[in-house]
Amino acid sequence: MGAPGAPGVGAAGENMCRRDMPMDFTPIPPQHLSVSGTLTTPNAIMATWSREMWQNVVNRVLRMTTSGPFGTQFAAAVATVT
């Protein structure tokens, strides 16, 4: 565990992990099921990365999302770089 006071840890972070959260989640509205956008970077090295390199980064984010606390909500998630 991290140090007390760190986000999500100890007295300062106790409210971040509430056990009394409601479990009556509703389905995600269709207009929020798809996200798209453009990513730009001023970093000269990252700016030259290939599409395959960016796809690897996106795949890593997807793995982390699907294995996190809300992983079941992202079980069918797909991420592609075009």
PDB file of N, CA and C in Angstrom:
ATOM      1  N   MET A   1       0.835  -1.186   0.000  1.00  0.00           N
ATOM      2  CA  MET A   1       0.000   0.000   0.000  1.00  0.00           C
ATOM      3  C   MET A   1       0.870   1.235   0.000  1.00  0.00           C
ATOM      4  N   GLY A   2       0.295   2.314  -0.469  1.00  0.00           N
ATOM      5  CA  GLY A   2       1.007   3.579  -0.500  1.00  0.00           C
ATOM      6  C   GLY A   2       0.984   4.257   0.843  1.00  0.00           C
ATOM      7  N   ALA A   3       1.558   5.408   0.875  1.00  0.00           N
ATOM      8  CA  ALA A   3       1.635   6.173   2.114  1.00  0.00           C
ATOM      9  C   ALA A   3       0.277   6.773   2.452  1.00  0.00           C
ATOM     10  N   PRO A   4      -0.039   6.889   3.769  1.00  0.00           N
ATOM     11  CA  PRO A   4      -1.286   7.557   4.146  1.00  0.00           C
ATOM     12  C   PRO A   4      -1.328   8.956   3.546  1.00  0.00           C
ATOM     13  N   GLY A   5      -2.478   9.327   3.068  1.00  0.00           N
ATOM     14  CA  GLY A   5      -2.626  10.631   2.434  1.00  0.00           C
ATOM     15  C   GLY A   5      -2.491  10.574   0.926  1.00  0.00           C
ATOM     16  N   ALA A   6      -1.927   9.474   0.402  1.00  0.00           N
ATOM     17  CA  ALA A   6      -1.831   9.311  -1.045  1.00  0.00           C
ATOM     18  C   ALA A   6      -3.233   9.040  -1.581  1.00  0.00           C
ATOM     19  N   PRO A   7      -3.513   9.389  -2.829  1.00  0.00           N
ATOM     20  CA  PRO A   7      -4.855   9.169  -3.376  1.00  0.00           C
ATOM     21  C   PRO A   7      -5.303   7.722  -3.217  1.00  0.00           C
ATOM     22  N   GLY A   8      -6.468   7.533  -2.645  1.00  0.00           N
ATOM     23  CA  GLY A   8      -7.035   6.204  -2.484  1.00  0.00           C
ATOM     24  C   GLY A   8      -6.470   5.417  -1.328  1.00  0.00           C
ATOM     25  N   VAL A   9      -5.592   6.004  -0.536  1.00  0.00           N
ATOM     26  CA  VAL A   9      -4.937   5.288   0.547  1.00  0.00           C
ATOM     27  C   VAL A   9      -5.051   6.091   1.829  1.00  0.00           C
ATOM     28  N   GLY A  10      -5.276   5.403   2.930  1.00  0.00           N
ATOM     29  CA  GLY A  10      -5.269   6.062   4.235  1.00  0.00           C
ATOM     30  C   GLY A  10      -6.423   7.023   4.423  1.00  0.00           C
ATOM     31  N   ALA A  11      -6.324   7.824   5.453  1.00  0.00           N
ATOM     32  CA  ALA A  11      -7.419   8.707   5.855  1.00  0.00           C
ATOM     33  C   ALA A  11      -7.850   9.664   4.750  1.00  0.00           C
ATOM     34  N   ALA A  12      -6.919  10.222   4.025  1.00  0.00           N
ATOM     35  CA  ALA A  12      -7.271  11.198   2.992  1.00  0.00           C
ATOM     36  C   ALA A  12      -7.994  10.553   1.822  1.00  0.00           C
ATOM     37  N   GLY A  13      -7.777   9.260   1.599  1.00  0.00           N
ATOM     38  CA  GLY A  13      -8.377   8.600   0.453  1.00  0.00           C
ATOM     39  C   GLY A  13      -9.534   7.684   0.780  1.00  0.00           C
ATOM     40  N   GLU A  14      -9.973   7.645   2.031  1.00  0.00           N
ATOM     41  CA  GLU A  14     -11.025   6.714   2.410  1.00  0.00           C
ATOM     42  C   GLU A  14     -12.308   6.923   1.628  1.00  0.00           C
ATOM     43  N   ASN A  15     -12.635   8.147   1.279  1.00  0.00           N
ATOM     44  CA  ASN A  15     -13.868   8.406   0.553  1.00  0.00           C
ATOM     45  C   ASN A  15     -13.809   7.934  -0.894  1.00  0.00           C
ATOM     46  N   MET A  16     -12.631   7.611  -1.393  1.00  0.00           N
ATOM     47  CA  MET A  16     -12.509   7.194  -2.782  1.00  0.00           C
ATOM     48  C   MET A  16     -12.970   5.755  -2.989  1.00  0.00           C
ATOM     49  N   CYS A  17     -13.058   4.974  -1.948  1.00  0.00           N
ATOM     50  CA  CYS A  17     -13.429   3.564  -2.061  1.00  0.00           C
ATOM     51  C   CYS A  17     -14.601   3.300  -1.127  1.00  0.00           C
ATOM     52  N   ARG A  18     -15.753   3.802  -1.497  1.00  0.00           N
ATOM     53  CA  ARG A  18     -16.929   3.675  -0.644  1.00  0.00           C
ATOM     54  C   ARG A  18     -17.599   2.333  -0.869  1.00  0.00           C
ATOM     55  N   ARG A  19     -18.001   1.706   0.201  1.00  0.00           N
ATOM     56  CA  ARG A  19     -18.684   0.423   0.102  1.00  0.00           C
ATOM     57  C   ARG A  19     -20.189   0.593  -0.021  1.00  0.00           C
ATOM     58  N   ASP A  20     -20.679   1.797   0.211  1.00  0.00           N
ATOM     59  CA  ASP A  20     -22.116   2.028   0.153  1.00  0.00           C
ATOM     60  C   ASP A  20     -22.562   2.599  -1.194  1.00  0.00           C
ATOM     61  N   MET A  21     -21.745   2.409  -2.216  1.00  0.00           N
ATOM     62  CA  MET A  21     -22.096   2.903  -3.544  1.00  0.00           C
ATOM     63  C   MET A  21     -23.310   2.135  -4.061  1.00  0.00           C
ATOM     64  N   PRO A  22     -24.240   2.804  -4.729  1.00  0.00           N
ATOM     65  CA  PRO A  22     -25.414   2.102  -5.263  1.00  0.00           C
ATOM     66  C   PRO A  22     -25.005   1.123  -6.357  1.00  0.00           C
ATOM     67  N   MET A  23     -25.668   0.009  -6.407  1.00  0.00           N
ATOM     68  CA  MET A  23     -25.346  -1.018  -7.398  1.00  0.00           C
ATOM     69  C   MET A  23     -26.411  -1.095  -8.496  1.00  0.00           C
ATOM     70  N   ASP A  24     -27.277  -0.103  -8.570  1.00  0.00           N
ATOM     71  CA  ASP A  24     -28.341  -0.108  -9.565  1.00  0.00           C
ATOM     72  C   ASP A  24     -27.948   0.703 -10.799  1.00  0.00           C
ATOM     73  N   PHE A  25     -26.860   0.290 -11.423  1.00  0.00           N
ATOM     74  CA  PHE A  25     -26.373   0.983 -12.605  1.00  0.00           C
ATOM     75  C   PHE A  25     -27.342   0.778 -13.762  1.00  0.00           C
ATOM     76  N   THR A  26     -27.475   1.770 -14.600  1.00  0.00           N
ATOM     77  CA  THR A  26     -28.325   1.664 -15.779  1.00  0.00           C
ATOM     78  C   THR A  26     -27.446   1.472 -17.010  1.00  0.00           C
ATOM     79  N   PRO A  27     -28.017   0.945 -18.091  1.00  0.00           N
ATOM     80  CA  PRO A  27     -27.226   0.758 -19.312  1.00  0.00           C
ATOM     81  C   PRO A  27     -26.684   2.097 -19.829  1.00  0.00           C
ATOM     82  N   ILE A  28     -25.557   2.023 -20.504  1.00  0.00           N
ATOM     83  CA  ILE A  28     -24.947   3.222 -21.081  1.00  0.00           C
ATOM     84  C   ILE A  28     -25.776   3.646 -22.290  1.00  0.00           C
ATOM     85  N   PRO A  29     -26.163   4.922 -22.359  1.00  0.00           N
ATOM     86  CA  PRO A  29     -26.942   5.394 -23.511  1.00  0.00           C
ATOM     87  C   PRO A  29     -26.155   5.210 -24.814  1.00  0.00           C
ATOM     88  N   PRO A  30     -26.837   4.896 -25.916  1.00  0.00           N
ATOM     89  CA  PRO A  30     -26.167   4.633 -27.195  1.00  0.00           C
ATOM     90  C   PRO A  30     -25.223   5.743 -27.648  1.00  0.00           C
ATOM     91  N   GLN A  31     -25.558   7.007 -27.375  1.00  0.00           N
ATOM     92  CA  GLN A  31     -24.699   8.100 -27.833  1.00  0.00           C
ATOM     93  C   GLN A  31     -23.357   8.131 -27.100  1.00  0.00           C
ATOM     94  N   HIS A  32     -23.220   7.338 -26.026  1.00  0.00           N
ATOM     95  CA  HIS A  32     -21.967   7.303 -25.276  1.00  0.00           C
ATOM     96  C   HIS A  32     -21.226   5.978 -25.440  1.00  0.00           C
ATOM     97  N   LEU A  33     -21.664   5.134 -26.346  1.00  0.00           N
ATOM     98  CA  LEU A  33     -21.022   3.843 -26.544  1.00  0.00           C
ATOM     99  C   LEU A  33     -19.796   3.917 -27.438  1.00  0.00           C
ATOM    100  N   SER A  34     -19.650   4.990 -28.168  1.00  0.00           N
ATOM    101  CA  SER A  34     -18.523   5.138 -29.076  1.00  0.00           C
ATOM    102  C   SER A  34     -17.828   6.469 -28.813  1.00  0.00           C
ATOM    103  N   VAL A  35     -16.515   6.408 -28.771  1.00  0.00           N
ATOM    104  CA  VAL A  35     -15.714   7.613 -28.557  1.00  0.00           C
ATOM    105  C   VAL A  35     -14.682   7.678 -29.671  1.00  0.00           C
ATOM    106  N   SER A  36     -14.529   8.826 -30.289  1.00  0.00           N
ATOM    107  CA  SER A  36     -13.500   8.992 -31.308  1.00  0.00           C
ATOM    108  C   SER A  36     -12.886  10.371 -31.151  1.00  0.00           C
ATOM    109  N   GLY A  37     -11.706  10.525 -31.689  1.00  0.00           N
ATOM    110  CA  GLY A  37     -11.053  11.816 -31.576  1.00  0.00           C
ATOM    111  C   GLY A  37      -9.695  11.814 -32.238  1.00  0.00           C
ATOM    112  N   THR A  38      -8.994  12.884 -32.063  1.00  0.00           N
ATOM    113  CA  THR A  38      -7.666  13.067 -32.632  1.00  0.00           C
ATOM    114  C   THR A  38      -6.697  13.365 -31.505  1.00  0.00           C
ATOM    115  N   LEU A  39      -5.566  12.713 -31.543  1.00  0.00           N
ATOM    116  CA  LEU A  39      -4.527  12.925 -30.544  1.00  0.00           C
ATOM    117  C   LEU A  39      -3.349  13.611 -31.215  1.00  0.00           C
ATOM    118  N   THR A  40      -2.904  14.708 -30.646  1.00  0.00           N
ATOM    119  CA  THR A  40      -1.706  15.380 -31.147  1.00  0.00           C
ATOM    120  C   THR A  40      -0.710  15.485 -30.005  1.00  0.00           C
ATOM    121  N   THR A  41       0.561  15.499 -30.357  1.00  0.00           N
ATOM    122  CA  THR A  41       1.600  15.598 -29.337  1.00  0.00           C
ATOM    123  C   THR A  41       2.708  16.531 -29.812  1.00  0.00           C
ATOM    124  N   PRO A  42       3.220  17.360 -28.908  1.00  0.00           N
ATOM    125  CA  PRO A  42       4.355  18.207 -29.260  1.00  0.00           C
ATOM    126  C   PRO A  42       5.692  17.469 -29.088  1.00  0.00           C
ATOM    127  N   ASN A  43       5.640  16.247 -28.547  1.00  0.00           N
ATOM    128  CA  ASN A  43       6.845  15.471 -28.314  1.00  0.00           C
ATOM    129  C   ASN A  43       7.392  14.974 -29.650  1.00  0.00           C
ATOM    130  N   ALA A  44       8.597  15.397 -29.998  1.00  0.00           N
ATOM    131  CA  ALA A  44       9.183  15.073 -31.304  1.00  0.00           C
ATOM    132  C   ALA A  44       9.366  13.573 -31.508  1.00  0.00           C
ATOM    133  N   ILE A  45       9.691  12.848 -30.471  1.00  0.00           N
ATOM    134  CA  ILE A  45       9.891  11.403 -30.607  1.00  0.00           C
ATOM    135  C   ILE A  45       8.553  10.702 -30.815  1.00  0.00           C
ATOM    136  N   MET A  46       7.572  11.021 -29.969  1.00  0.00           N
ATOM    137  CA  MET A  46       6.257  10.390 -30.099  1.00  0.00           C
ATOM    138  C   MET A  46       5.575  10.775 -31.406  1.00  0.00           C
ATOM    139  N   ALA A  47       5.849  11.956 -31.901  1.00  0.00           N
ATOM    140  CA  ALA A  47       5.222  12.421 -33.143  1.00  0.00           C
ATOM    141  C   ALA A  47       5.634  11.575 -34.341  1.00  0.00           C
ATOM    142  N   THR A  48       6.758  10.882 -34.242  1.00  0.00           N
ATOM    143  CA  THR A  48       7.225  10.053 -35.357  1.00  0.00           C
ATOM    144  C   THR A  48       6.846   8.581 -35.197  1.00  0.00           C
ATOM    145  N   TRP A  49       6.120   8.234 -34.136  1.00  0.00           N
ATOM    146  CA  TRP A  49       5.725   6.842 -33.936  1.00  0.00           C
ATOM    147  C   TRP A  49       4.820   6.382 -35.071  1.00  0.00           C
ATOM    148  N   SER A  50       4.958   5.129 -35.403  1.00  0.00           N
ATOM    149  CA  SER A  50       4.127   4.533 -36.453  1.00  0.00           C
ATOM    150  C   SER A  50       2.721   4.250 -35.922  1.00  0.00           C
ATOM    151  N   ARG A  51       1.820   3.959 -36.834  1.00  0.00           N
ATOM    152  CA  ARG A  51       0.462   3.581 -36.449  1.00  0.00           C
ATOM    153  C   ARG A  51       0.489   2.336 -35.569  1.00  0.00           C
ATOM    154  N   GLU A  52       1.378   1.394 -35.880  1.00  0.00           N
ATOM    155  CA  GLU A  52       1.490   0.165 -35.099  1.00  0.00           C
ATOM    156  C   GLU A  52       1.941   0.451 -33.667  1.00  0.00           C
ATOM    157  N   MET A  53       2.857   1.395 -33.503  1.00  0.00           N
ATOM    158  CA  MET A  53       3.318   1.760 -32.164  1.00  0.00           C
ATOM    159  C   MET A  53       2.158   2.346 -31.361  1.00  0.00           C
ATOM    160  N   TRP A  54       1.380   3.241 -31.981  1.00  0.00           N
ATOM    161  CA  TRP A  54       0.223   3.827 -31.296  1.00  0.00           C
ATOM    162  C   TRP A  54      -0.819   2.766 -30.991  1.00  0.00           C
ATOM    163  N   GLN A  55      -1.003   1.802 -31.885  1.00  0.00           N
ATOM    164  CA  GLN A  55      -1.959   0.725 -31.619  1.00  0.00           C
ATOM    165  C   GLN A  55      -1.519  -0.076 -30.403  1.00  0.00           C
ATOM    166  N   ASN A  56      -0.212  -0.291 -30.246  1.00  0.00           N
ATOM    167  CA  ASN A  56       0.294  -0.987 -29.057  1.00  0.00           C
ATOM    168  C   ASN A  56      -0.036  -0.215 -27.783  1.00  0.00           C
ATOM    169  N   VAL A  57       0.111   1.095 -27.823  1.00  0.00           N
ATOM    170  CA  VAL A  57      -0.218   1.928 -26.657  1.00  0.00           C
ATOM    171  C   VAL A  57      -1.708   1.827 -26.349  1.00  0.00           C
ATOM    172  N   VAL A  58      -2.534   1.936 -27.380  1.00  0.00           N
ATOM    173  CA  VAL A  58      -3.984   1.854 -27.199  1.00  0.00           C
ATOM    174  C   VAL A  58      -4.380   0.470 -26.677  1.00  0.00           C
ATOM    175  N   ASN A  59      -3.746  -0.574 -27.173  1.00  0.00           N
ATOM    176  CA  ASN A  59      -4.027  -1.929 -26.687  1.00  0.00           C
ATOM    177  C   ASN A  59      -3.691  -2.061 -25.204  1.00  0.00           C
ATOM    178  N   ARG A  60      -2.607  -1.452 -24.782  1.00  0.00           N
ATOM    179  CA  ARG A  60      -2.219  -1.485 -23.373  1.00  0.00           C
ATOM    180  C   ARG A  60      -3.264  -0.771 -22.510  1.00  0.00           C
ATOM    181  N   VAL A  61      -3.732   0.379 -22.984  1.00  0.00           N
ATOM    182  CA  VAL A  61      -4.787   1.110 -22.266  1.00  0.00           C
ATOM    183  C   VAL A  61      -6.044   0.252 -22.183  1.00  0.00           C
ATOM    184  N   LEU A  62      -6.390  -0.401 -23.263  1.00  0.00           N
ATOM    185  CA  LEU A  62      -7.572  -1.257 -23.287  1.00  0.00           C
ATOM    186  C   LEU A  62      -7.437  -2.409 -22.292  1.00  0.00           C
ATOM    187  N   ARG A  63      -6.268  -3.040 -22.244  1.00  0.00           N
ATOM    188  CA  ARG A  63      -6.046  -4.127 -21.280  1.00  0.00           C
ATOM    189  C   ARG A  63      -6.189  -3.628 -19.852  1.00  0.00           C
ATOM    190  N   MET A  64      -5.636  -2.453 -19.570  1.00  0.00           N
ATOM    191  CA  MET A  64      -5.730  -1.896 -18.221  1.00  0.00           C
ATOM    192  C   MET A  64      -7.181  -1.554 -17.878  1.00  0.00           C
ATOM    193  N   THR A  65      -7.915  -1.049 -18.840  1.00  0.00           N
ATOM    194  CA  THR A  65      -9.320  -0.693 -18.615  1.00  0.00           C
ATOM    195  C   THR A  65     -10.160  -1.933 -18.348  1.00  0.00           C
ATOM    196  N   THR A  66      -9.973  -2.969 -19.148  1.00  0.00           N
ATOM    197  CA  THR A  66     -10.791  -4.173 -18.997  1.00  0.00           C
ATOM    198  C   THR A  66     -10.419  -4.987 -17.774  1.00  0.00           C
ATOM    199  N   SER A  67      -9.243  -4.771 -17.207  1.00  0.00           N
ATOM    200  CA  SER A  67      -8.860  -5.518 -16.010  1.00  0.00           C
ATOM    201  C   SER A  67      -9.016  -4.691 -14.741  1.00  0.00           C
ATOM    202  N   GLY A  68      -9.460  -3.453 -14.868  1.00  0.00           N
ATOM    203  CA  GLY A  68      -9.630  -2.581 -13.714  1.00  0.00           C
ATOM    204  C   GLY A  68     -10.932  -2.846 -12.980  1.00  0.00           C
ATOM    205  N   PRO A  69     -11.246  -2.010 -12.008  1.00  0.00           N
ATOM    206  CA  PRO A  69     -12.441  -2.217 -11.185  1.00  0.00           C
ATOM    207  C   PRO A  69     -13.752  -2.187 -11.973  1.00  0.00           C
ATOM    208  N   PHE A  70     -13.770  -1.544 -13.115  1.00  0.00           N
ATOM    209  CA  PHE A  70     -14.971  -1.509 -13.949  1.00  0.00           C
ATOM    210  C   PHE A  70     -14.793  -2.376 -15.188  1.00  0.00           C
ATOM    211  N   GLY A  71     -13.898  -3.329 -15.114  1.00  0.00           N
ATOM    212  CA  GLY A  71     -13.563  -4.173 -16.252  1.00  0.00           C
ATOM    213  C   GLY A  71     -14.744  -4.849 -16.910  1.00  0.00           C
ATOM    214  N   THR A  72     -15.710  -5.302 -16.113  1.00  0.00           N
ATOM    215  CA  THR A  72     -16.872  -5.969 -16.703  1.00  0.00           C
ATOM    216  C   THR A  72     -17.676  -5.018 -17.575  1.00  0.00           C
ATOM    217  N   GLN A  73     -17.604  -3.732 -17.289  1.00  0.00           N
ATOM    218  CA  GLN A  73     -18.328  -2.745 -18.093  1.00  0.00           C
ATOM    219  C   GLN A  73     -17.656  -2.521 -19.449  1.00  0.00           C
ATOM    220  N   PHE A  74     -16.398  -2.957 -19.572  1.00  0.00           N
ATOM    221  CA  PHE A  74     -15.645  -2.765 -20.811  1.00  0.00           C
ATOM    222  C   PHE A  74     -15.292  -4.102 -21.466  1.00  0.00           C
ATOM    223  N   ALA A  75     -15.995  -5.160 -21.097  1.00  0.00           N
ATOM    224  CA  ALA A  75     -15.666  -6.503 -21.585  1.00  0.00           C
ATOM    225  C   ALA A  75     -15.662  -6.587 -23.107  1.00  0.00           C
ATOM    226  N   ALA A  76     -16.519  -5.846 -23.776  1.00  0.00           N
ATOM    227  CA  ALA A  76     -16.602  -5.901 -25.235  1.00  0.00           C
ATOM    228  C   ALA A  76     -15.925  -4.704 -25.895  1.00  0.00           C
ATOM    229  N   ALA A  77     -15.108  -3.982 -25.147  1.00  0.00           N
ATOM    230  CA  ALA A  77     -14.466  -2.775 -25.679  1.00  0.00           C
ATOM    231  C   ALA A  77     -13.471  -3.120 -26.780  1.00  0.00           C
ATOM    232  N   VAL A  78     -13.405  -2.258 -27.760  1.00  0.00           N
ATOM    233  CA  VAL A  78     -12.472  -2.391 -28.876  1.00  0.00           C
ATOM    234  C   VAL A  78     -11.847  -1.020 -29.089  1.00  0.00           C
ATOM    235  N   ALA A  79     -10.553  -0.987 -29.348  1.00  0.00           N
ATOM    236  CA  ALA A  79      -9.873   0.284 -29.609  1.00  0.00           C
ATOM    237  C   ALA A  79      -8.981   0.114 -30.828  1.00  0.00           C
ATOM    238  N   THR A  80      -9.117   1.007 -31.788  1.00  0.00           N
ATOM    239  CA  THR A  80      -8.304   0.934 -32.997  1.00  0.00           C
ATOM    240  C   THR A  80      -7.730   2.299 -33.332  1.00  0.00           C
ATOM    241  N   VAL A  81      -6.577   2.263 -33.947  1.00  0.00           N
ATOM    242  CA  VAL A  81      -5.909   3.469 -34.423  1.00  0.00           C
ATOM    243  C   VAL A  81      -5.994   3.430 -35.937  1.00  0.00           C
ATOM    244  N   THR A  82      -6.473   4.521 -36.525  1.00  0.00           N
ATOM    245  CA  THR A  82      -6.580   4.548 -37.990  1.00  0.00           C
ATOM    246  C   THR A  82      -5.691   5.622 -38.563  1.00  0.00           C
TER     247      THR A  82
END
